[in-house]
Amino acid sequence: MFKVEVSADAREFILKKAEAVTVEAMMYCGGCFGLTMLPVVLAGEPSEPEDYDAAFADGIKVYILKWAVIDPAGVRISLEGDRFVYQELQVEGLRYPA
């Protein structure tokens, strides 16, 4: 089991769209660093929940892909950006091996 913390503004943003979020790995080519797997947060449940570990945080179900390496302090989900221009969910406290 892992600890998940969701900031108040991220919680409000999520609950406008869904009651769950999914943290997935996205492939990113980082130039001279090569291929990197970056965690991304998507509103909603995954299509194959059996591939994910789940936890609850402030009434939100958080699905994290099973092979993630999670920081002992836990996972933190926050909201970044300007509410008048563009906002996105950010996740800290985990990584995916390449």
PDB file of N, CA and C in Angstrom:
ATOM      1  N   MET A   1       0.846  -1.189   0.000  1.00  0.00           N
ATOM      2  CA  MET A   1       0.000   0.000   0.000  1.00  0.00           C
ATOM      3  C   MET A   1       0.883   1.241   0.000  1.00  0.00           C
ATOM      4  N   PHE A   2       0.395   2.309  -0.582  1.00  0.00           N
ATOM      5  CA  PHE A   2       1.150   3.538  -0.682  1.00  0.00           C
ATOM      6  C   PHE A   2       0.274   4.713  -0.267  1.00  0.00           C
ATOM      7  N   LYS A   3       0.923   5.787   0.126  1.00  0.00           N
ATOM      8  CA  LYS A   3       0.225   6.993   0.558  1.00  0.00           C
ATOM      9  C   LYS A   3       0.059   7.930  -0.637  1.00  0.00           C
ATOM     10  N   VAL A   4      -1.114   8.551  -0.740  1.00  0.00           N
ATOM     11  CA  VAL A   4      -1.378   9.517  -1.815  1.00  0.00           C
ATOM     12  C   VAL A   4      -1.925  10.793  -1.193  1.00  0.00           C
ATOM     13  N   GLU A   5      -1.373  11.912  -1.620  1.00  0.00           N
ATOM     14  CA  GLU A   5      -1.838  13.217  -1.168  1.00  0.00           C
ATOM     15  C   GLU A   5      -2.303  14.001  -2.388  1.00  0.00           C
ATOM     16  N   VAL A   6      -3.503  14.571  -2.330  1.00  0.00           N
ATOM     17  CA  VAL A   6      -4.052  15.365  -3.429  1.00  0.00           C
ATOM     18  C   VAL A   6      -4.275  16.778  -2.897  1.00  0.00           C
ATOM     19  N   SER A   7      -3.698  17.771  -3.566  1.00  0.00           N
ATOM     20  CA  SER A   7      -3.888  19.160  -3.124  1.00  0.00           C
ATOM     21  C   SER A   7      -5.358  19.553  -3.275  1.00  0.00           C
ATOM     22  N   ALA A   8      -5.767  20.565  -2.535  1.00  0.00           N
ATOM     23  CA  ALA A   8      -7.170  20.994  -2.542  1.00  0.00           C
ATOM     24  C   ALA A   8      -7.626  21.445  -3.931  1.00  0.00           C
ATOM     25  N   ASP A   9      -6.786  22.215  -4.630  1.00  0.00           N
ATOM     26  CA  ASP A   9      -7.185  22.677  -5.967  1.00  0.00           C
ATOM     27  C   ASP A   9      -7.215  21.532  -6.970  1.00  0.00           C
ATOM     28  N   ALA A  10      -6.308  20.554  -6.829  1.00  0.00           N
ATOM     29  CA  ALA A  10      -6.329  19.383  -7.712  1.00  0.00           C
ATOM     30  C   ALA A  10      -7.574  18.554  -7.445  1.00  0.00           C
ATOM     31  N   ARG A  11      -7.951  18.407  -6.184  1.00  0.00           N
ATOM     32  CA  ARG A  11      -9.151  17.642  -5.827  1.00  0.00           C
ATOM     33  C   ARG A  11     -10.386  18.272  -6.483  1.00  0.00           C
ATOM     34  N   GLU A  12     -10.517  19.577  -6.381  1.00  0.00           N
ATOM     35  CA  GLU A  12     -11.648  20.285  -6.991  1.00  0.00           C
ATOM     36  C   GLU A  12     -11.657  20.088  -8.512  1.00  0.00           C
ATOM     37  N   PHE A  13     -10.494  20.203  -9.144  1.00  0.00           N
ATOM     38  CA  PHE A  13     -10.349  20.027 -10.590  1.00  0.00           C
ATOM     39  C   PHE A  13     -10.760  18.613 -11.008  1.00  0.00           C
ATOM     40  N   ILE A  14     -10.298  17.611 -10.265  1.00  0.00           N
ATOM     41  CA  ILE A  14     -10.604  16.213 -10.577  1.00  0.00           C
ATOM     42  C   ILE A  14     -12.094  15.934 -10.438  1.00  0.00           C
ATOM     43  N   LEU A  15     -12.690  16.372  -9.341  1.00  0.00           N
ATOM     44  CA  LEU A  15     -14.087  16.056  -9.073  1.00  0.00           C
ATOM     45  C   LEU A  15     -15.051  16.719 -10.055  1.00  0.00           C
ATOM     46  N   LYS A  16     -14.607  17.731 -10.786  1.00  0.00           N
ATOM     47  CA  LYS A  16     -15.435  18.320 -11.838  1.00  0.00           C
ATOM     48  C   LYS A  16     -15.556  17.384 -13.032  1.00  0.00           C
ATOM     49  N   LYS A  17     -14.569  16.465 -13.177  1.00  0.00           N
ATOM     50  CA  LYS A  17     -14.525  15.577 -14.335  1.00  0.00           C
ATOM     51  C   LYS A  17     -14.817  14.120 -14.002  1.00  0.00           C
ATOM     52  N   ALA A  18     -14.361  13.653 -12.842  1.00  0.00           N
ATOM     53  CA  ALA A  18     -14.457  12.228 -12.504  1.00  0.00           C
ATOM     54  C   ALA A  18     -14.271  12.058 -11.001  1.00  0.00           C
ATOM     55  N   GLU A  19     -14.398  10.820 -10.557  1.00  0.00           N
ATOM     56  CA  GLU A  19     -14.147  10.509  -9.146  1.00  0.00           C
ATOM     57  C   GLU A  19     -12.876   9.693  -8.980  1.00  0.00           C
ATOM     58  N   ALA A  20     -12.098   9.589 -10.067  1.00  0.00           N
ATOM     59  CA  ALA A  20     -10.861   8.809 -10.039  1.00  0.00           C
ATOM     60  C   ALA A  20      -9.850   9.433 -10.993  1.00  0.00           C
ATOM     61  N   VAL A  21      -8.570   9.136 -10.740  1.00  0.00           N
ATOM     62  CA  VAL A  21      -7.504   9.513 -11.654  1.00  0.00           C
ATOM     63  C   VAL A  21      -6.620   8.298 -11.904  1.00  0.00           C
ATOM     64  N   THR A  22      -5.969   8.300 -13.054  1.00  0.00           N
ATOM     65  CA  THR A  22      -5.066   7.221 -13.431  1.00  0.00           C
ATOM     66  C   THR A  22      -3.691   7.811 -13.697  1.00  0.00           C
ATOM     67  N   VAL A  23      -2.671   7.231 -13.073  1.00  0.00           N
ATOM     68  CA  VAL A  23      -1.292   7.642 -13.316  1.00  0.00           C
ATOM     69  C   VAL A  23      -0.680   6.599 -14.238  1.00  0.00           C
ATOM     70  N   GLU A  24      -0.274   7.039 -15.420  1.00  0.00           N
ATOM     71  CA  GLU A  24       0.290   6.144 -16.430  1.00  0.00           C
ATOM     72  C   GLU A  24       1.703   6.580 -16.783  1.00  0.00           C
ATOM     73  N   ALA A  25       2.392   5.724 -17.511  1.00  0.00           N
ATOM     74  CA  ALA A  25       3.736   6.038 -17.992  1.00  0.00           C
ATOM     75  C   ALA A  25       3.643   6.471 -19.447  1.00  0.00           C
ATOM     76  N   MET A  26       4.290   7.588 -19.773  1.00  0.00           N
ATOM     77  CA  MET A  26       4.319   8.076 -21.135  1.00  0.00           C
ATOM     78  C   MET A  26       5.775   8.075 -21.601  1.00  0.00           C
ATOM     79  N   MET A  27       6.037   7.505 -22.777  1.00  0.00           N
ATOM     80  CA  MET A  27       7.388   7.502 -23.317  1.00  0.00           C
ATOM     81  C   MET A  27       7.762   8.896 -23.791  1.00  0.00           C
ATOM     82  N   TYR A  28       8.970   9.297 -23.444  1.00  0.00           N
ATOM     83  CA  TYR A  28       9.461  10.613 -23.823  1.00  0.00           C
ATOM     84  C   TYR A  28      10.912  10.469 -24.258  1.00  0.00           C
ATOM     85  N   CYS A  29      11.258  11.027 -25.393  1.00  0.00           N
ATOM     86  CA  CYS A  29      12.642  10.993 -25.871  1.00  0.00           C
ATOM     87  C   CYS A  29      13.308  12.277 -25.403  1.00  0.00           C
ATOM     88  N   GLY A  30      14.184  12.154 -24.441  1.00  0.00           N
ATOM     89  CA  GLY A  30      14.810  13.318 -23.810  1.00  0.00           C
ATOM     90  C   GLY A  30      16.128  13.729 -24.424  1.00  0.00           C
ATOM     91  N   GLY A  31      16.264  13.699 -25.725  1.00  0.00           N
ATOM     92  CA  GLY A  31      17.483  14.145 -26.385  1.00  0.00           C
ATOM     93  C   GLY A  31      18.666  13.265 -26.024  1.00  0.00           C
ATOM     94  N   CYS A  32      19.715  13.856 -25.473  1.00  0.00           N
ATOM     95  CA  CYS A  32      20.926  13.100 -25.161  1.00  0.00           C
ATOM     96  C   CYS A  32      20.708  12.115 -24.009  1.00  0.00           C
ATOM     97  N   PHE A  33      19.617  12.229 -23.281  1.00  0.00           N
ATOM     98  CA  PHE A  33      19.334  11.309 -22.185  1.00  0.00           C
ATOM     99  C   PHE A  33      18.609  10.054 -22.666  1.00  0.00           C
ATOM    100  N   GLY A  34      18.196  10.038 -23.903  1.00  0.00           N
ATOM    101  CA  GLY A  34      17.537   8.864 -24.458  1.00  0.00           C
ATOM    102  C   GLY A  34      16.085   8.755 -24.041  1.00  0.00           C
ATOM    103  N   LEU A  35      15.569   7.557 -24.128  1.00  0.00           N
ATOM    104  CA  LEU A  35      14.173   7.279 -23.822  1.00  0.00           C
ATOM    105  C   LEU A  35      13.923   7.327 -22.322  1.00  0.00           C
ATOM    106  N   THR A  36      12.894   8.045 -21.926  1.00  0.00           N
ATOM    107  CA  THR A  36      12.512   8.185 -20.526  1.00  0.00           C
ATOM    108  C   THR A  36      11.028   7.909 -20.405  1.00  0.00           C
ATOM    109  N   MET A  37      10.626   7.320 -19.294  1.00  0.00           N
ATOM    110  CA  MET A  37       9.209   7.097 -19.015  1.00  0.00           C
ATOM    111  C   MET A  37       8.767   8.136 -17.987  1.00  0.00           C
ATOM    112  N   LEU A  38       7.866   9.018 -18.383  1.00  0.00           N
ATOM    113  CA  LEU A  38       7.365  10.062 -17.503  1.00  0.00           C
ATOM    114  C   LEU A  38       5.978   9.702 -16.984  1.00  0.00           C
ATOM    115  N   PRO A  39       5.718   9.941 -15.700  1.00  0.00           N
ATOM    116  CA  PRO A  39       4.368   9.700 -15.196  1.00  0.00           C
ATOM    117  C   PRO A  39       3.433  10.850 -15.587  1.00  0.00           C
ATOM    118  N   VAL A  40       2.236  10.511 -16.030  1.00  0.00           N
ATOM    119  CA  VAL A  40       1.210  11.497 -16.359  1.00  0.00           C
ATOM    120  C   VAL A  40      -0.078  11.128 -15.618  1.00  0.00           C
ATOM    121  N   VAL A  41      -0.866  12.140 -15.293  1.00  0.00           N
ATOM    122  CA  VAL A  41      -2.121  11.935 -14.568  1.00  0.00           C
ATOM    123  C   VAL A  41      -3.279  12.232 -15.498  1.00  0.00           C
ATOM    124  N   LEU A  42      -4.202  11.287 -15.601  1.00  0.00           N
ATOM    125  CA  LEU A  42      -5.395  11.438 -16.436  1.00  0.00           C
ATOM    126  C   LEU A  42      -6.637  11.298 -15.567  1.00  0.00           C
ATOM    127  N   ALA A  43      -7.631  12.125 -15.805  1.00  0.00           N
ATOM    128  CA  ALA A  43      -8.888  12.014 -15.072  1.00  0.00           C
ATOM    129  C   ALA A  43      -9.632  10.770 -15.538  1.00  0.00           C
ATOM    130  N   GLY A  44     -10.188  10.022 -14.604  1.00  0.00           N
ATOM    131  CA  GLY A  44     -10.970   8.839 -14.930  1.00  0.00           C
ATOM    132  C   GLY A  44     -10.270   7.541 -14.564  1.00  0.00           C
ATOM    133  N   GLU A  45     -11.015   6.449 -14.715  1.00  0.00           N
ATOM    134  CA  GLU A  45     -10.498   5.119 -14.395  1.00  0.00           C
ATOM    135  C   GLU A  45      -9.807   4.514 -15.611  1.00  0.00           C
ATOM    136  N   PRO A  46      -8.843   3.621 -15.372  1.00  0.00           N
ATOM    137  CA  PRO A  46      -8.170   2.974 -16.505  1.00  0.00           C
ATOM    138  C   PRO A  46      -9.073   1.941 -17.172  1.00  0.00           C
ATOM    139  N   SER A  47      -8.771   1.624 -18.422  1.00  0.00           N
ATOM    140  CA  SER A  47      -9.569   0.628 -19.139  1.00  0.00           C
ATOM    141  C   SER A  47      -9.305  -0.784 -18.627  1.00  0.00           C
ATOM    142  N   GLU A  48      -8.129  -1.027 -18.067  1.00  0.00           N
ATOM    143  CA  GLU A  48      -7.780  -2.343 -17.517  1.00  0.00           C
ATOM    144  C   GLU A  48      -7.310  -2.173 -16.069  1.00  0.00           C
ATOM    145  N   PRO A  49      -8.230  -2.019 -15.112  1.00  0.00           N
ATOM    146  CA  PRO A  49      -7.856  -1.733 -13.725  1.00  0.00           C
ATOM    147  C   PRO A  49      -7.005  -2.813 -13.063  1.00  0.00           C
ATOM    148  N   GLU A  50      -7.013  -4.030 -13.596  1.00  0.00           N
ATOM    149  CA  GLU A  50      -6.208  -5.106 -12.998  1.00  0.00           C
ATOM    150  C   GLU A  50      -4.707  -4.856 -13.164  1.00  0.00           C
ATOM    151  N   ASP A  51      -4.303  -3.949 -14.038  1.00  0.00           N
ATOM    152  CA  ASP A  51      -2.891  -3.615 -14.239  1.00  0.00           C
ATOM    153  C   ASP A  51      -2.421  -2.500 -13.301  1.00  0.00           C
ATOM    154  N   TYR A  52      -3.278  -2.060 -12.403  1.00  0.00           N
ATOM    155  CA  TYR A  52      -2.993  -0.916 -11.548  1.00  0.00           C
ATOM    156  C   TYR A  52      -3.179  -1.266 -10.080  1.00  0.00           C
ATOM    157  N   ASP A  53      -2.414  -0.567  -9.223  1.00  0.00           N
ATOM    158  CA  ASP A  53      -2.656  -0.574  -7.790  1.00  0.00           C
ATOM    159  C   ASP A  53      -3.531   0.636  -7.513  1.00  0.00           C
ATOM    160  N   ALA A  54      -4.396   0.533  -6.513  1.00  0.00           N
ATOM    161  CA  ALA A  54      -5.315   1.638  -6.239  1.00  0.00           C
ATOM    162  C   ALA A  54      -5.239   2.058  -4.775  1.00  0.00           C
ATOM    163  N   ALA A  55      -5.479   3.335  -4.552  1.00  0.00           N
ATOM    164  CA  ALA A  55      -5.542   3.899  -3.205  1.00  0.00           C
ATOM    165  C   ALA A  55      -6.586   5.007  -3.225  1.00  0.00           C
ATOM    166  N   PHE A  56      -7.082   5.369  -2.041  1.00  0.00           N
ATOM    167  CA  PHE A  56      -8.037   6.462  -1.924  1.00  0.00           C
ATOM    168  C   PHE A  56      -7.368   7.652  -1.255  1.00  0.00           C
ATOM    169  N   ALA A  57      -7.678   8.853  -1.738  1.00  0.00           N
ATOM    170  CA  ALA A  57      -7.178  10.089  -1.147  1.00  0.00           C
ATOM    171  C   ALA A  57      -8.282  11.134  -1.214  1.00  0.00           C
ATOM    172  N   ASP A  58      -8.795  11.530  -0.080  1.00  0.00           N
ATOM    173  CA  ASP A  58      -9.834  12.562  -0.005  1.00  0.00           C
ATOM    174  C   ASP A  58     -11.020  12.284  -0.919  1.00  0.00           C
ATOM    175  N   GLY A  59     -11.465  11.025  -0.962  1.00  0.00           N
ATOM    176  CA  GLY A  59     -12.625  10.663  -1.761  1.00  0.00           C
ATOM    177  C   GLY A  59     -12.341  10.423  -3.231  1.00  0.00           C
ATOM    178  N   ILE A  60     -11.080  10.455  -3.630  1.00  0.00           N
ATOM    179  CA  ILE A  60     -10.697  10.219  -5.021  1.00  0.00           C
ATOM    180  C   ILE A  60      -9.936   8.900  -5.088  1.00  0.00           C
ATOM    181  N   LYS A  61     -10.330   8.048  -6.014  1.00  0.00           N
ATOM    182  CA  LYS A  61      -9.615   6.795  -6.211  1.00  0.00           C
ATOM    183  C   LYS A  61      -8.465   7.056  -7.165  1.00  0.00           C
ATOM    184  N   VAL A  62      -7.255   6.679  -6.745  1.00  0.00           N
ATOM    185  CA  VAL A  62      -6.045   6.912  -7.536  1.00  0.00           C
ATOM    186  C   VAL A  62      -5.500   5.568  -7.998  1.00  0.00           C
ATOM    187  N   TYR A  63      -5.419   5.386  -9.317  1.00  0.00           N
ATOM    188  CA  TYR A  63      -4.871   4.169  -9.916  1.00  0.00           C
ATOM    189  C   TYR A  63      -3.448   4.462 -10.378  1.00  0.00           C
ATOM    190  N   ILE A  64      -2.495   3.609  -9.975  1.00  0.00           N
ATOM    191  CA  ILE A  64      -1.099   3.773 -10.374  1.00  0.00           C
ATOM    192  C   ILE A  64      -0.632   2.465 -11.002  1.00  0.00           C
ATOM    193  N   LEU A  65      -0.059   2.565 -12.201  1.00  0.00           N
ATOM    194  CA  LEU A  65       0.436   1.398 -12.911  1.00  0.00           C
ATOM    195  C   LEU A  65       1.340   0.582 -11.993  1.00  0.00           C
ATOM    196  N   LYS A  66       1.146  -0.735 -11.942  1.00  0.00           N
ATOM    197  CA  LYS A  66       1.784  -1.610 -10.954  1.00  0.00           C
ATOM    198  C   LYS A  66       3.305  -1.546 -10.912  1.00  0.00           C
ATOM    199  N   TRP A  67       3.979  -1.318 -12.004  1.00  0.00           N
ATOM    200  CA  TRP A  67       5.441  -1.359 -11.977  1.00  0.00           C
ATOM    201  C   TRP A  67       6.099  -0.026 -11.637  1.00  0.00           C
ATOM    202  N   ALA A  68       5.354   0.912 -11.084  1.00  0.00           N
ATOM    203  CA  ALA A  68       5.915   2.194 -10.669  1.00  0.00           C
ATOM    204  C   ALA A  68       6.781   2.016  -9.424  1.00  0.00           C
ATOM    205  N   VAL A  69       7.833   2.812  -9.340  1.00  0.00           N
ATOM    206  CA  VAL A  69       8.678   2.865  -8.149  1.00  0.00           C
ATOM    207  C   VAL A  69       8.210   4.076  -7.360  1.00  0.00           C
ATOM    208  N   ILE A  70       7.656   3.818  -6.178  1.00  0.00           N
ATOM    209  CA  ILE A  70       7.024   4.884  -5.392  1.00  0.00           C
ATOM    210  C   ILE A  70       7.925   5.308  -4.250  1.00  0.00           C
ATOM    211  N   ASP A  71       8.065   6.614  -4.077  1.00  0.00           N
ATOM    212  CA  ASP A  71       8.849   7.200  -2.997  1.00  0.00           C
ATOM    213  C   ASP A  71       8.242   6.759  -1.657  1.00  0.00           C
ATOM    214  N   PRO A  72       9.071   6.452  -0.654  1.00  0.00           N
ATOM    215  CA  PRO A  72       8.537   6.049   0.653  1.00  0.00           C
ATOM    216  C   PRO A  72       7.616   7.102   1.285  1.00  0.00           C
ATOM    217  N   ALA A  73       7.820   8.375   0.942  1.00  0.00           N
ATOM    218  CA  ALA A  73       6.958   9.443   1.473  1.00  0.00           C
ATOM    219  C   ALA A  73       5.598   9.471   0.793  1.00  0.00           C
ATOM    220  N   GLY A  74       5.459   8.763  -0.323  1.00  0.00           N
ATOM    221  CA  GLY A  74       4.182   8.696  -1.021  1.00  0.00           C
ATOM    222  C   GLY A  74       4.133   9.534  -2.285  1.00  0.00           C
ATOM    223  N   VAL A  75       2.950   9.558  -2.871  1.00  0.00           N
ATOM    224  CA  VAL A  75       2.679  10.241  -4.133  1.00  0.00           C
ATOM    225  C   VAL A  75       1.911  11.521  -3.854  1.00  0.00           C
ATOM    226  N   ARG A  76       2.264  12.594  -4.575  1.00  0.00           N
ATOM    227  CA  ARG A  76       1.576  13.873  -4.430  1.00  0.00           C
ATOM    228  C   ARG A  76       1.033  14.305  -5.786  1.00  0.00           C
ATOM    229  N   ILE A  77      -0.248  14.637  -5.822  1.00  0.00           N
ATOM    230  CA  ILE A  77      -0.884  15.114  -7.044  1.00  0.00           C
ATOM    231  C   ILE A  77      -1.287  16.565  -6.821  1.00  0.00           C
ATOM    232  N   SER A  78      -0.880  17.428  -7.745  1.00  0.00           N
ATOM    233  CA  SER A  78      -1.186  18.848  -7.626  1.00  0.00           C
ATOM    234  C   SER A  78      -1.684  19.375  -8.963  1.00  0.00           C
ATOM    235  N   LEU A  79      -2.144  20.596  -8.947  1.00  0.00           N
ATOM    236  CA  LEU A  79      -2.653  21.251 -10.150  1.00  0.00           C
ATOM    237  C   LEU A  79      -1.702  22.381 -10.526  1.00  0.00           C
ATOM    238  N   GLU A  80      -1.292  22.409 -11.781  1.00  0.00           N
ATOM    239  CA  GLU A  80      -0.372  23.434 -12.276  1.00  0.00           C
ATOM    240  C   GLU A  80      -1.063  24.255 -13.356  1.00  0.00           C
ATOM    241  N   GLY A  81      -0.632  25.495 -13.495  1.00  0.00           N
ATOM    242  CA  GLY A  81      -1.146  26.343 -14.569  1.00  0.00           C
ATOM    243  C   GLY A  81      -2.100  27.413 -14.083  1.00  0.00           C
ATOM    244  N   ASP A  82      -2.566  28.197 -15.020  1.00  0.00           N
ATOM    245  CA  ASP A  82      -3.466  29.315 -14.767  1.00  0.00           C
ATOM    246  C   ASP A  82      -4.891  28.894 -15.107  1.00  0.00           C
ATOM    247  N   ARG A  83      -5.813  29.066 -14.197  1.00  0.00           N
ATOM    248  CA  ARG A  83      -7.185  28.597 -14.440  1.00  0.00           C
ATOM    249  C   ARG A  83      -7.868  29.318 -15.595  1.00  0.00           C
ATOM    250  N   PHE A  84      -7.334  30.454 -16.015  1.00  0.00           N
ATOM    251  CA  PHE A  84      -7.921  31.179 -17.142  1.00  0.00           C
ATOM    252  C   PHE A  84      -7.304  30.775 -18.481  1.00  0.00           C
ATOM    253  N   VAL A  85      -6.169  30.094 -18.449  1.00  0.00           N
ATOM    254  CA  VAL A  85      -5.490  29.720 -19.684  1.00  0.00           C
ATOM    255  C   VAL A  85      -5.496  28.201 -19.854  1.00  0.00           C
ATOM    256  N   TYR A  86      -4.755  27.500 -18.997  1.00  0.00           N
ATOM    257  CA  TYR A  86      -4.642  26.047 -19.113  1.00  0.00           C
ATOM    258  C   TYR A  86      -4.173  25.480 -17.783  1.00  0.00           C
ATOM    259  N   GLN A  87      -4.794  24.394 -17.367  1.00  0.00           N
ATOM    260  CA  GLN A  87      -4.392  23.711 -16.142  1.00  0.00           C
ATOM    261  C   GLN A  87      -4.181  22.236 -16.427  1.00  0.00           C
ATOM    262  N   GLU A  88      -3.240  21.636 -15.696  1.00  0.00           N
ATOM    263  CA  GLU A  88      -3.002  20.210 -15.823  1.00  0.00           C
ATOM    264  C   GLU A  88      -2.603  19.633 -14.476  1.00  0.00           C
ATOM    265  N   LEU A  89      -2.876  18.350 -14.315  1.00  0.00           N
ATOM    266  CA  LEU A  89      -2.503  17.654 -13.091  1.00  0.00           C
ATOM    267  C   LEU A  89      -1.046  17.216 -13.185  1.00  0.00           C
ATOM    268  N   GLN A  90      -0.320  17.359 -12.089  1.00  0.00           N
ATOM    269  CA  GLN A  90       1.074  16.947 -11.991  1.00  0.00           C
ATOM    270  C   GLN A  90       1.191  15.898 -10.889  1.00  0.00           C
ATOM    271  N   VAL A  91       2.130  14.982 -11.060  1.00  0.00           N
ATOM    272  CA  VAL A  91       2.348  13.952 -10.050  1.00  0.00           C
ATOM    273  C   VAL A  91       3.832  13.934  -9.678  1.00  0.00           C
ATOM    274  N   GLU A  92       4.090  13.778  -8.384  1.00  0.00           N
ATOM    275  CA  GLU A  92       5.452  13.674  -7.862  1.00  0.00           C
ATOM    276  C   GLU A  92       5.508  12.468  -6.931  1.00  0.00           C
ATOM    277  N   GLY A  93       6.710  11.965  -6.724  1.00  0.00           N
ATOM    278  CA  GLY A  93       6.876  10.889  -5.756  1.00  0.00           C
ATOM    279  C   GLY A  93       6.860   9.491  -6.366  1.00  0.00           C
ATOM    280  N   LEU A  94       6.972   9.416  -7.695  1.00  0.00           N
ATOM    281  CA  LEU A  94       7.079   8.104  -8.317  1.00  0.00           C
ATOM    282  C   LEU A  94       7.797   8.236  -9.646  1.00  0.00           C
ATOM    283  N   ARG A  95       8.298   7.094 -10.110  1.00  0.00           N
ATOM    284  CA  ARG A  95       8.945   7.057 -11.416  1.00  0.00           C
ATOM    285  C   ARG A  95       8.711   5.687 -12.023  1.00  0.00           C
ATOM    286  N   TYR A  96       8.913   5.620 -13.320  1.00  0.00           N
ATOM    287  CA  TYR A  96       8.796   4.347 -14.037  1.00  0.00           C
ATOM    288  C   TYR A  96      10.165   4.007 -14.607  1.00  0.00           C
ATOM    289  N   PRO A  97      10.641   2.780 -14.376  1.00  0.00           N
ATOM    290  CA  PRO A  97      11.915   2.377 -14.966  1.00  0.00           C
ATOM    291  C   PRO A  97      11.806   2.329 -16.487  1.00  0.00           C
ATOM    292  N   ALA A  98      12.869   2.740 -17.176  1.00  0.00           N
ATOM    293  CA  ALA A  98      12.865   2.741 -18.651  1.00  0.00           C
ATOM    294  C   ALA A  98      13.151   1.364 -19.193  1.00  0.00           C
TER     295      ALA A  98
END
